Amino acid sequence: MSKMNELVISARSCTICKPFLADGVNPVFVVHPKAKVLVIGQAPGRKVHLSGKAWADASGNRLRDWLNVTEDEFYDPEIFSILPMGFCFPGSKKGGDLPPRPECAPLWHETFIRMMPEVELVLLIGNYAQKYYLKKKCKNNLTETVRNWESYGSQYIPLPHPSPRNNIWLRKNEWFEAEVLPNLKNRMRGLLAK
């Protein structure tokens, strides 16, 4: 058994957050040593928690549209790996989901990422992923971090969350669809053509 398979088994059986998860433990992530793109989002929502399939919801539909990829491409682990900041659904509160549990990323991310040497692009979706990976390079808020996407080099692209709850943000920030998405789609096509 490979070291990655051993790590996957360990992560899928992790119960460190169990006392804090009203809906139970169900780590949802996808990793592969040949992945080209790493998607780092917040945490699975309730629908994903129940299905066990990452981004299998309205947010995932919008994300795939932003990337201009098919479902088959998105769910090909040799193209996309998916490591949320929190592997399990954190529960919900009025107005949305709770923040991702803080234990997952420090416990699992670094080791998994070292086992994926072919990753060329990391999509940092939302504040939690951006603050964790960009650290002091983050701007004052998510809007400014995403607006300055070109300043993070070729490895990272910060994105807002593609949730339908962000429709107002998208309407207020038309530059995102006009400037960021065409570039992102071109980058994806280039990666998929390799």
Protein backbone atom coordinates (compact mmCIF):
# COMPACT_ATOMS: atom_id res chain seq x y z
CA MET A 1 0.00 0.00 0.00
CA SER A 2 1.35 3.44 -0.95
CA LYS A 3 2.00 6.14 1.63
CA MET A 4 -0.74 8.25 0.05
CA ASN A 5 -3.26 5.39 0.36
CA GLU A 6 -2.28 4.96 4.01
CA LEU A 7 -2.76 8.69 4.59
CA VAL A 8 -6.14 8.66 2.83
CA ILE A 9 -7.30 5.80 5.06
CA SER A 10 -6.12 7.69 8.15
CA ALA A 11 -7.82 10.92 7.08
CA ARG A 12 -11.08 9.16 6.18
CA SER A 13 -11.18 7.51 9.59
CA CYS A 14 -10.26 10.68 11.49
CA THR A 15 -12.57 11.52 14.38
CA ILE A 16 -10.62 14.37 16.01
CA CYS A 17 -13.52 16.82 15.45
CA LYS A 18 -16.31 14.38 16.25
CA PRO A 19 -17.28 16.08 19.55
CA PHE A 20 -17.89 19.33 17.64
CA LEU A 21 -19.85 17.94 14.68
CA ALA A 22 -23.59 17.65 15.28
CA ASP A 23 -24.06 15.94 11.91
CA GLY A 24 -21.29 13.41 12.46
CA VAL A 25 -17.96 12.73 10.81
CA ASN A 26 -17.72 12.25 7.05
CA PRO A 27 -14.41 13.55 5.64
CA VAL A 28 -14.87 14.58 2.00
CA PHE A 29 -11.72 15.15 -0.04
CA VAL A 30 -10.00 13.88 -3.19
CA VAL A 31 -6.25 13.43 -3.67
CA HIS A 32 -4.06 11.87 -6.34
CA PRO A 33 -0.27 11.98 -6.84
CA LYS A 34 -0.70 13.09 -10.49
CA ALA A 35 -3.20 15.90 -9.85
CA LYS A 36 -2.51 19.13 -11.76
CA VAL A 37 -4.95 21.40 -9.92
CA LEU A 38 -5.63 21.59 -6.20
CA VAL A 39 -8.93 23.08 -5.05
CA ILE A 40 -8.83 24.34 -1.47
CA GLY A 41 -12.24 25.49 -0.33
CA GLN A 42 -13.96 25.97 2.99
CA ALA A 43 -15.70 22.75 4.07
CA PRO A 44 -18.37 20.45 2.66
CA GLY A 45 -21.93 21.71 2.91
CA ARG A 46 -24.81 19.58 4.14
CA LYS A 47 -25.64 18.22 0.67
CA VAL A 48 -22.02 17.19 0.06
CA HIS A 49 -21.83 15.73 3.57
CA LEU A 50 -24.79 13.49 2.77
CA SER A 51 -23.55 12.45 -0.68
CA GLY A 52 -19.86 12.16 0.17
CA LYS A 53 -19.04 13.73 -3.23
CA ALA A 54 -17.05 16.97 -3.14
CA TRP A 55 -18.64 20.04 -4.77
CA ALA A 56 -21.74 18.02 -5.78
CA ASP A 57 -24.06 20.98 -5.25
CA ALA A 58 -24.98 24.39 -6.69
CA SER A 59 -21.62 25.82 -5.62
CA GLY A 60 -19.85 23.04 -7.51
CA ASN A 61 -21.91 23.70 -10.62
CA ARG A 62 -20.86 27.35 -10.58
CA LEU A 63 -17.22 26.48 -9.85
CA ARG A 64 -17.09 24.10 -12.83
CA ASP A 65 -18.63 26.85 -14.97
CA TRP A 66 -15.99 29.32 -13.76
CA LEU A 67 -13.29 26.82 -14.68
CA ASN A 68 -14.96 25.85 -17.97
CA VAL A 69 -14.56 22.15 -17.16
CA THR A 70 -16.95 19.24 -17.45
CA GLU A 71 -18.02 17.10 -14.52
CA ASP A 72 -15.90 14.27 -15.91
CA GLU A 73 -12.84 16.53 -15.98
CA PHE A 74 -13.53 17.96 -12.52
CA TYR A 75 -13.97 14.53 -10.95
CA ASP A 76 -10.88 13.07 -12.62
CA PRO A 77 -8.45 12.83 -9.66
CA GLU A 78 -5.47 12.94 -12.02
CA ILE A 79 -6.59 16.48 -12.91
CA PHE A 80 -8.22 17.82 -9.73
CA SER A 81 -7.48 17.13 -6.11
CA ILE A 82 -9.78 18.68 -3.50
CA LEU A 83 -8.65 19.50 0.04
CA PRO A 84 -11.11 21.65 1.96
CA MET A 85 -9.89 23.58 4.98
CA GLY A 86 -12.22 21.39 7.03
CA PHE A 87 -12.88 17.88 5.70
CA CYS A 88 -16.27 17.46 7.41
CA PHE A 89 -19.49 19.48 7.37
CA PRO A 90 -19.12 21.85 10.34
CA GLY A 91 -22.86 22.33 10.88
CA SER A 92 -24.95 25.37 10.17
CA LYS A 93 -26.19 28.51 11.80
CA LYS A 94 -28.72 31.11 10.75
CA GLY A 95 -27.52 32.52 7.45
CA GLY A 96 -25.08 29.79 6.48
CA ASP A 97 -22.64 27.11 7.52
CA LEU A 98 -20.32 27.32 10.49
CA PRO A 99 -16.62 27.95 9.81
CA PRO A 100 -14.50 24.93 8.91
CA ARG A 101 -13.01 23.14 11.87
CA PRO A 102 -9.49 24.50 12.46
CA GLU A 103 -7.91 21.08 13.09
CA CYS A 104 -7.97 19.66 9.54
CA ALA A 105 -5.65 21.88 7.49
CA PRO A 106 -2.71 21.79 9.93
CA LEU A 107 -3.18 18.06 10.46
CA TRP A 108 -3.48 16.91 6.83
CA HIS A 109 -2.74 19.50 4.15
CA GLU A 110 1.05 19.72 4.18
CA THR A 111 1.56 15.96 4.03
CA PHE A 112 -0.98 15.47 1.25
CA ILE A 113 0.42 18.38 -0.77
CA ARG A 114 3.95 16.96 -0.57
CA MET A 115 2.57 13.78 -2.14
CA MET A 116 1.18 15.72 -5.11
CA PRO A 117 4.31 17.09 -6.82
CA GLU A 118 2.59 17.70 -10.18
CA VAL A 119 0.15 20.33 -8.88
CA GLU A 120 0.67 23.48 -10.95
CA LEU A 121 -2.28 25.54 -9.78
CA VAL A 122 -3.92 25.97 -6.38
CA LEU A 123 -7.37 27.55 -6.27
CA LEU A 124 -7.91 29.25 -2.91
CA ILE A 125 -11.66 29.54 -2.52
CA GLY A 126 -12.85 31.89 0.20
CA ASN A 127 -11.28 33.72 3.13
CA TYR A 128 -10.27 30.69 5.19
CA ALA A 129 -8.13 29.15 2.43
CA GLN A 130 -6.69 32.52 1.38
CA LYS A 131 -5.67 33.55 4.89
CA TYR A 132 -4.14 30.15 5.61
CA TYR A 133 -2.06 29.97 2.42
CA LEU A 134 -1.39 33.59 1.51
CA LYS A 135 -0.88 34.69 5.11
CA LYS A 136 0.40 38.30 5.20
CA LYS A 137 0.04 38.60 1.42
CA CYS A 138 -3.75 38.68 1.86
CA LYS A 139 -5.26 42.11 1.39
CA ASN A 140 -7.70 43.78 3.81
CA ASN A 141 -10.64 41.65 2.67
CA LEU A 142 -11.61 38.90 0.25
CA THR A 143 -12.63 41.36 -2.46
CA GLU A 144 -9.22 43.03 -2.48
CA THR A 145 -7.40 39.69 -2.29
CA VAL A 146 -9.31 38.38 -5.31
CA ARG A 147 -8.95 41.71 -7.16
CA ASN A 148 -5.15 41.39 -6.77
CA TRP A 149 -5.08 37.79 -7.99
CA GLU A 150 -2.19 38.45 -10.40
CA SER A 151 0.11 39.42 -7.52
CA TYR A 152 0.17 35.85 -6.15
CA GLY A 153 2.21 34.40 -9.00
CA SER A 154 1.34 31.40 -11.09
CA GLN A 155 0.78 28.97 -8.21
CA TYR A 156 -2.25 30.50 -6.47
CA ILE A 157 -5.49 32.02 -7.70
CA PRO A 158 -7.78 33.35 -4.95
CA LEU A 159 -11.49 33.11 -5.70
CA PRO A 160 -14.69 34.05 -3.92
CA HIS A 161 -16.90 31.17 -2.88
CA PRO A 162 -19.12 30.15 -5.81
CA SER A 163 -22.14 29.74 -3.54
CA PRO A 164 -25.48 31.16 -4.73
CA ARG A 165 -25.30 33.17 -1.49
CA ASN A 166 -22.60 35.23 -3.20
CA ASN A 167 -24.78 36.46 -6.08
CA ILE A 168 -24.82 39.98 -4.60
CA TRP A 169 -21.01 40.00 -4.37
CA LEU A 170 -20.78 38.93 -8.03
CA ARG A 171 -23.17 41.69 -9.13
CA LYS A 172 -21.20 44.30 -7.17
CA ASN A 173 -17.86 43.09 -8.54
CA GLU A 174 -18.38 42.73 -12.28
CA TRP A 175 -14.62 42.94 -12.82
CA PHE A 176 -14.39 39.36 -11.47
CA GLU A 177 -16.28 37.85 -14.42
CA ALA A 178 -14.74 40.30 -16.89
CA GLU A 179 -11.09 39.97 -15.82
CA VAL A 180 -10.44 36.99 -13.57
CA LEU A 181 -12.64 34.29 -15.11
CA PRO A 182 -11.38 34.57 -18.73
CA ASN A 183 -7.83 34.25 -17.42
CA LEU A 184 -8.77 31.33 -15.19
CA LYS A 185 -10.53 29.52 -18.05
CA ASN A 186 -7.51 29.99 -20.32
CA ARG A 187 -5.20 28.69 -17.62
CA MET A 188 -7.41 25.64 -17.12
CA ARG A 189 -7.51 24.87 -20.84
CA GLY A 190 -3.73 25.05 -20.94
CA LEU A 191 -3.37 22.67 -18.00
CA LEU A 192 -5.87 20.21 -19.45
CA ALA A 193 -4.13 20.24 -22.83
CA LYS A 194 -0.85 18.96 -21.32
